[in-house]
Protein backbone atom coordinates (compact mmCIF):
# COMPACT_ATOMS: atom_id res chain seq x y z
CA MET A 1 101.61 113.99 32.58
CA PHE A 2 104.58 116.30 32.32
CA THR A 3 105.75 115.19 35.96
CA TYR A 4 105.20 111.52 34.96
CA VAL A 5 107.36 111.80 31.89
CA ILE A 6 110.16 113.70 33.73
CA ARG A 7 110.16 110.77 36.45
CA ARG A 8 110.30 108.24 33.74
CA VAL A 9 113.23 109.88 31.83
CA LEU A 10 115.03 110.15 35.04
CA LEU A 11 114.62 106.60 35.68
CA LEU A 12 116.40 105.60 32.43
CA VAL A 13 119.83 106.54 33.95
CA PRO A 14 119.96 103.96 36.93
CA THR A 15 118.29 101.45 34.53
CA LEU A 16 120.85 101.78 31.85
CA LEU A 17 123.80 101.61 34.41
CA GLY A 18 122.19 98.49 35.76
CA ILE A 19 121.93 96.91 32.36
CA THR A 20 125.34 98.00 31.06
CA LEU A 21 127.10 96.95 34.33
CA VAL A 22 125.60 93.27 34.21
CA VAL A 23 126.51 92.90 30.55
CA PHE A 24 130.06 94.19 31.11
CA THR A 25 130.62 92.00 34.02
CA VAL A 26 129.44 88.83 32.09
CA MET A 27 131.80 89.76 29.07
CA ALA A 28 134.70 90.40 31.44
CA THR A 29 134.31 87.20 33.58
CA THR A 30 133.85 84.98 30.48
CA PRO A 31 136.65 82.42 30.55
CA GLY A 32 139.67 83.90 28.52
CA GLY A 33 137.73 87.27 28.23
CA MET A 34 138.51 89.57 25.33
CA GLY A 35 142.22 88.65 25.25
CA ALA A 36 141.62 84.98 24.34
CA SER A 37 139.84 85.76 21.20
CA LEU A 38 142.61 88.45 20.35
CA LEU A 39 145.32 85.98 20.84
CA GLY A 40 143.57 82.87 19.01
CA LYS A 41 144.16 84.76 15.81
CA ASP A 42 147.82 84.10 16.09
CA LEU A 43 148.48 80.41 16.84
CA GLU A 44 151.78 80.45 15.21
CA LEU A 45 153.32 82.75 17.77
CA ARG A 46 156.17 81.41 19.92
CA PRO A 47 155.69 81.26 23.81
CA ALA A 48 157.68 84.36 24.37
CA GLN A 49 156.10 86.20 21.39
CA ARG A 50 152.66 85.19 22.65
CA LYS A 51 153.48 86.52 26.15
CA ALA A 52 154.74 89.94 24.89
CA TYR A 53 151.55 90.12 22.56
CA GLU A 54 149.34 89.49 25.58
CA VAL A 55 150.90 92.00 27.58
CA TYR A 56 150.61 94.49 24.71
CA LEU A 57 146.79 93.82 24.65
CA ASN A 58 146.25 94.21 28.35
CA GLU A 59 147.79 97.56 28.16
CA ARG A 60 146.21 98.52 24.85
CA PHE A 61 142.70 97.82 25.89
CA GLY A 62 143.02 98.19 29.76
CA LEU A 63 142.35 94.58 30.42
CA ASN A 64 144.95 94.59 33.14
CA GLN A 65 142.94 97.17 35.23
CA PRO A 66 140.50 95.86 37.84
CA LEU A 67 137.10 95.38 36.63
CA HIS A 68 135.56 98.52 38.12
CA VAL A 69 138.29 100.60 36.66
CA GLN A 70 137.59 99.22 32.95
CA TYR A 71 133.84 99.90 33.34
CA LEU A 72 134.32 103.44 34.76
CA ARG A 73 136.48 104.12 31.91
CA TRP A 74 134.17 102.73 29.36
CA LEU A 75 131.15 104.66 30.89
CA ARG A 76 133.37 108.05 30.74
CA ARG A 77 133.61 107.34 27.11
CA VAL A 78 130.07 106.86 26.14
CA LEU A 79 128.58 109.59 28.53
CA PRO A 80 127.14 112.60 26.51
CA VAL A 81 128.36 114.68 29.41
CA GLY A 82 131.71 115.19 31.18
CA PHE A 83 135.00 116.97 31.27
CA LYS A 84 136.61 118.09 27.89
CA LYS A 85 140.04 119.40 27.58
CA VAL A 86 140.08 122.91 25.93
CA GLY A 87 143.79 123.70 26.56
CA ALA A 88 146.78 123.02 28.80
CA GLY A 89 146.90 122.52 32.56
CA PHE A 90 144.26 121.60 35.10
CA PRO A 91 141.71 122.82 36.06
CA SER A 92 142.04 125.69 33.74
CA GLY A 93 142.46 123.65 30.74
CA TRP A 94 139.39 121.55 31.47
CA THR A 95 135.69 122.25 31.25
CA PHE A 96 132.51 120.39 32.11
CA GLY A 97 129.66 120.10 29.56
CA LEU A 98 128.19 118.21 26.59
CA LYS A 99 130.45 116.12 24.65
CA VAL A 100 130.30 113.57 21.68
CA PRO A 101 130.11 110.21 22.94
CA ASP A 102 132.95 107.87 22.20
CA LEU A 103 131.62 104.48 21.24
CA GLY A 104 135.18 103.11 21.23
CA TYR A 105 137.06 100.93 18.84
CA SER A 106 136.39 97.53 17.27
CA PHE A 107 139.50 95.31 17.59
CA SER A 108 137.83 92.61 15.54
CA ARG A 109 137.35 94.96 12.46
CA GLY A 110 139.88 97.52 13.22
CA ARG A 111 137.62 100.55 12.81
CA PRO A 112 135.66 102.70 15.10
CA VAL A 113 132.38 101.32 16.48
CA GLY A 114 130.49 104.52 15.53
CA THR A 115 131.49 104.08 11.80
CA LEU A 116 130.45 100.38 11.93
CA ILE A 117 127.00 101.12 13.36
CA LEU A 118 126.48 103.83 10.69
CA GLU A 119 127.17 101.57 7.98
CA ALA A 120 124.99 98.81 9.18
CA LEU A 121 121.92 100.89 10.72
CA PRO A 122 120.46 102.09 7.27
CA ILE A 123 120.24 98.50 6.04
CA THR A 124 118.40 97.35 9.06
CA LEU A 125 116.09 100.51 8.89
CA LEU A 126 115.24 99.79 5.32
CA LEU A 127 114.31 96.28 6.17
CA GLU A 128 112.38 97.33 9.09
CA SER A 129 110.81 99.98 7.32
CA LEU A 130 109.23 97.70 4.67
CA SER A 131 108.26 95.06 7.29
CA LEU A 132 106.49 97.20 9.66
CA PRO A 133 103.57 98.54 7.61
CA LEU A 134 103.25 95.24 5.79
CA THR A 135 102.89 93.30 9.10
CA TYR A 136 100.24 95.73 10.65
CA LEU A 137 98.27 96.09 7.66
CA ILE A 138 98.03 92.38 7.45
CA ALA A 139 97.51 91.80 11.18
CA VAL A 140 94.74 94.49 11.63
CA GLY A 141 92.90 93.38 8.37
CA THR A 142 93.04 89.57 9.07
CA GLY A 143 92.14 90.18 12.99
CA ILE A 144 89.22 92.23 11.98
CA ARG A 145 87.97 89.74 9.39
CA ALA A 146 88.35 86.83 11.95
CA ALA A 147 86.44 88.74 14.62
CA ILE A 148 83.37 89.63 12.70
CA SER A 149 83.26 86.05 11.34
CA ARG A 150 83.59 84.42 14.82
CA GLY A 151 83.18 80.81 14.58
CA GLN A 152 82.54 80.81 10.90
CA LEU A 153 84.71 79.04 8.12
CA ALA A 154 86.82 82.26 7.47
CA ASP A 155 87.50 82.61 11.29
CA VAL A 156 88.54 78.90 11.53
CA GLY A 157 90.52 79.03 8.40
CA ILE A 158 92.43 82.21 9.25
CA GLY A 159 93.14 81.14 12.71
CA THR A 160 94.41 77.76 11.49
CA ILE A 161 96.79 79.26 8.77
CA LEU A 162 98.14 81.87 11.18
CA ILE A 163 98.87 79.49 14.27
CA GLY A 164 100.50 77.39 11.54
CA LEU A 165 102.83 80.24 10.46
CA TYR A 166 103.59 81.27 13.94
CA SER A 167 104.55 77.79 14.87
CA LEU A 168 107.25 77.69 12.31
CA PRO A 169 110.77 78.82 13.37
CA GLU A 170 112.56 81.49 11.56
CA ILE A 171 115.65 79.55 10.89
CA TRP A 172 113.84 76.69 9.29
CA VAL A 173 111.94 78.93 7.07
CA GLY A 174 114.85 80.74 5.95
CA VAL A 175 116.61 77.65 5.01
CA LEU A 176 113.59 76.34 3.02
CA LEU A 177 113.40 79.61 1.22
CA ILE A 178 116.91 79.45 0.12
CA GLY A 179 116.76 75.87 -0.64
CA PHE A 180 113.69 75.93 -2.91
CA LEU A 181 113.34 79.49 -4.26
CA THR A 182 117.07 80.41 -4.91
CA ASN A 183 118.18 76.92 -6.29
CA ARG A 184 118.99 76.93 -9.74
CA GLU A 185 118.06 73.27 -10.05
CA ILE A 186 114.58 73.86 -8.44
CA ILE A 187 113.16 77.31 -8.69
CA HIS A 188 115.68 80.17 -9.00
CA TRP A 189 113.30 83.23 -8.56
CA PHE A 190 115.29 85.17 -5.88
CA PRO A 191 119.00 85.61 -4.87
CA SER A 192 120.28 83.46 -2.11
CA ASN A 193 122.16 86.34 -0.18
CA GLY A 194 123.45 89.67 0.00
CA LEU A 195 121.83 93.06 -0.59
CA HIS A 196 122.74 93.99 -4.16
CA ASP A 197 123.84 92.21 -7.43
CA VAL A 198 127.56 92.35 -8.11
CA LEU A 199 126.85 94.77 -10.97
CA ALA A 200 124.56 96.84 -8.91
CA GLU A 201 126.91 99.85 -8.96
CA SER A 202 126.75 100.09 -12.66
CA MET A 203 122.78 99.95 -12.90
CA PRO A 204 120.65 103.00 -13.38
CA TYR A 205 118.49 103.72 -10.39
CA LEU A 206 115.03 102.92 -11.74
CA PRO A 207 114.03 99.98 -13.79
CA HIS A 208 113.69 100.65 -17.50
CA TRP A 209 113.31 99.14 -20.91
CA THR A 210 116.27 99.01 -23.26
CA ALA A 211 116.86 97.43 -26.88
CA ALA A 212 118.41 94.49 -24.98
CA GLY A 213 115.27 93.88 -22.89
CA PHE A 214 114.18 94.99 -19.31
CA GLU A 215 116.81 96.24 -16.79
CA ARG A 216 115.67 96.00 -13.31
CA GLY A 217 117.67 98.82 -12.14
CA TRP A 218 119.25 99.59 -8.73
CA LEU A 219 115.99 100.13 -6.72
CA LEU A 220 114.26 96.93 -8.13
CA ASP A 221 117.46 95.03 -7.51
CA THR A 222 117.59 95.99 -3.91
CA LEU A 223 113.86 95.15 -3.51
CA TRP A 224 114.39 91.77 -5.03
CA HIS A 225 117.26 90.84 -2.73
CA LEU A 226 115.00 91.95 0.21
CA ALA A 227 112.08 89.81 -0.63
CA LEU A 228 113.00 86.61 0.93
CA PRO A 229 114.37 88.24 4.14
CA LEU A 230 111.36 90.50 4.41
CA LEU A 231 108.99 87.47 4.04
CA CYS A 232 110.86 85.43 6.54
CA PHE A 233 111.10 88.60 9.06
CA SER A 234 107.36 89.38 8.83
CA TYR A 235 105.21 86.18 8.78
CA ALA A 236 105.55 85.32 12.36
CA SER A 237 104.91 88.92 13.68
CA PHE A 238 101.59 89.32 11.57
CA ALA A 239 100.36 85.86 12.66
CA PHE A 240 100.88 86.70 16.33
CA LEU A 241 99.54 90.43 15.98
CA SER A 242 96.46 89.02 14.00
CA ARG A 243 95.42 86.83 16.69
CA LEU A 244 95.92 89.46 19.31
CA MET A 245 93.84 91.80 17.38
CA ARG A 246 90.83 89.23 16.90
CA ALA A 247 90.96 88.61 20.77
CA SER A 248 91.05 92.33 21.60
CA ILE A 249 88.15 93.10 19.16
CA LEU A 250 85.94 90.31 20.71
CA ASP A 251 86.58 91.69 24.15
CA THR A 252 85.71 95.11 23.24
CA LEU A 253 82.52 94.10 21.37
CA GLY A 254 81.19 92.94 24.57
CA MET A 255 81.58 95.99 26.48
CA ASP A 256 78.77 98.40 27.57
CA PHE A 257 79.71 101.31 25.40
CA VAL A 258 79.46 99.11 22.40
CA ARG A 259 75.98 98.06 23.23
CA THR A 260 74.90 101.63 23.94
CA ALA A 261 76.40 102.72 20.47
CA ARG A 262 74.09 100.10 18.92
CA ALA A 263 71.24 101.01 20.82
CA LYS A 264 71.39 104.42 19.41
CA GLY A 265 71.03 102.99 15.96
CA LEU A 266 74.69 103.31 14.70
CA SER A 267 75.52 101.02 11.76
CA GLY A 268 77.64 97.92 12.58
CA LYS A 269 80.64 99.57 10.52
CA THR A 270 80.33 102.84 12.29
CA VAL A 271 80.42 100.85 15.70
CA LEU A 272 83.21 98.81 14.38
CA TYR A 273 85.72 101.37 12.98
CA ARG A 274 84.81 104.39 15.14
CA HIS A 275 84.43 102.64 18.50
CA VAL A 276 85.65 99.26 18.82
CA LEU A 277 88.72 99.41 16.62
CA ARG A 278 90.27 102.42 18.45
CA ASN A 279 89.84 100.73 21.87
CA SER A 280 91.16 97.35 20.56
CA LEU A 281 94.44 98.89 19.69
CA ILE A 282 95.49 99.08 23.28
CA SER A 283 96.86 95.44 23.03
CA LEU A 284 98.86 96.26 19.75
CA ILE A 285 100.46 99.21 21.54
CA THR A 286 101.33 96.75 24.23
CA ALA A 287 103.00 94.40 21.81
CA SER A 288 104.71 97.21 19.77
CA SER A 289 106.62 98.54 22.83
CA GLY A 290 109.44 96.37 21.55
CA ILE A 291 109.31 97.66 17.97
CA LEU A 292 111.65 100.60 18.52
CA PRO A 293 114.75 98.46 19.62
CA GLY A 294 113.82 95.85 17.11
CA LEU A 295 114.05 98.73 14.26
CA ILE A 296 117.76 99.12 15.27
CA ALA A 297 118.69 95.87 16.53
CA GLY A 298 117.24 94.00 13.56
CA SER A 299 116.87 90.22 13.34
CA PHE A 300 119.79 88.11 14.31
CA ILE A 301 118.60 85.08 12.37
CA VAL A 302 117.34 86.46 9.38
CA GLU A 303 120.28 88.81 8.65
CA THR A 304 122.72 86.01 9.34
CA ILE A 305 120.93 83.48 6.95
CA PHE A 306 120.35 85.77 4.23
CA GLY A 307 123.75 87.59 4.47
CA VAL A 308 122.31 90.84 5.01
CA PRO A 309 124.96 93.22 6.55
CA GLY A 310 122.68 94.92 8.93
CA MET A 311 122.63 95.50 13.00
CA GLY A 312 121.66 91.78 13.65
CA LYS A 313 124.64 90.34 11.92
CA LEU A 314 126.96 92.74 13.28
CA THR A 315 125.74 91.90 16.70
CA ILE A 316 126.44 88.27 16.03
CA ASP A 317 129.91 88.93 14.87
CA ALA A 318 130.54 91.13 17.88
CA VAL A 319 129.36 88.26 20.12
CA ASN A 320 131.37 85.50 18.31
CA SER A 321 134.68 87.62 18.40
CA ARG A 322 134.05 88.90 22.07
CA ASP A 323 134.53 92.45 20.71
CA ARG A 324 133.68 94.29 23.89
CA ASP A 325 133.38 97.79 22.62
CA LEU A 326 131.24 96.79 19.78
CA PHE A 327 128.93 94.79 21.82
CA MET A 328 128.60 97.10 24.71
CA SER A 329 127.86 99.94 22.33
CA LEU A 330 124.99 97.79 20.57
CA THR A 331 123.62 96.84 23.96
CA LEU A 332 123.57 100.31 25.19
CA ILE A 333 121.66 101.38 22.08
CA THR A 334 119.16 98.61 22.25
CA SER A 335 118.58 98.93 25.81
CA LEU A 336 117.96 102.76 25.64
CA LEU A 337 115.37 102.27 22.65
CA GLN A 338 113.68 99.52 24.55
CA LEU A 339 113.13 101.85 27.57
CA ILE A 340 111.97 104.67 25.26
CA GLY A 341 109.63 102.22 23.57
CA PHE A 342 108.07 101.55 26.83
CA LEU A 343 107.63 105.19 27.64
CA ILE A 344 105.94 105.69 24.19
CA ALA A 345 103.70 102.79 24.74
CA ASP A 346 102.52 104.14 28.34
CA LEU A 347 101.77 107.48 26.60
CA ALA A 348 99.98 105.99 23.61
CA TYR A 349 97.64 104.38 26.14
CA ALA A 350 96.24 107.77 27.23
CA VAL A 351 95.73 108.75 23.34
CA VAL A 352 93.64 105.62 22.39
CA ASP A 353 91.94 105.13 25.64
CA PRO A 354 90.45 108.27 27.57
CA ARG A 355 90.04 106.21 30.75
CA VAL A 356 94.09 106.13 30.87
CA THR A 357 95.40 109.32 32.58
CA TYR A 358 98.70 110.14 34.22
CA VAL A 359 97.88 112.80 36.95
CA ASP A 360 100.65 115.17 37.78
């Protein structure tokens, strides 16, 4: 097991290099490149001024360098190991070792990339931490119910509803939720966008009663603003996972060890929850391998529609503005977490299924 883990960790390095190189090349060879989006902000410049500004941008961001030089310079900044300057002179003034990765500078927002990510990341993690348990509790519960009621009305009804939900696109559902549940002329139950009310800073943290009536407080106000994004983000996930859970349970119920457990006189609930359920989780583990990068990357559609300033919206803004450093940093983080998610899923197989082993 230890040798397998070490081998997989070492393979992360060339894989990440390949991913970042492809993304970097695509961004650099896009018509106009990063300089085009920068120059697009200053359409009133005279030709001479525009040319001088273009020369400045090329020198400022290294766009006049060959492509491989630009990539190696970016790679040197983001690597956690490298040469650090500790004094004057070379080589006596330099040392090789660990260093703090430099994610670069966002030209579109005029701020360091690390600062932008640290601001957007907690918002996405909050939305995901609320969605994840809700999604899996509903998926496992409805999947078990549909499996034990195979062919009956409950199974057909649950399956029909879940397939219908999974067929609805997020962008359409989000627009409908905003149009009907945030509209003052129809049903104004929820806010249409944002994460807090404009007066949230002056609210107490917890809800309470006052002489003027009920005040929801900062915590309840946040949950109120996240209700529709949470619903829009979760419905397709638990619909898919529920059908996956049902199919996995039905497959497990037909295996030899389940028939042996029943032949020993174990009750149906004992067989289901102690033997069948554990082995049925393998399919959910496979599907959950993409959860870890999803926790960080967020939802591009949901965060954009509902105006939630999370990682998904930050990525969309980086693409629209061709912000190379910002988008490359987001790509690096998401790709690393995706590969770690695959590794965790492989190790989890051995936990839930004793037949899976990784021999050193």
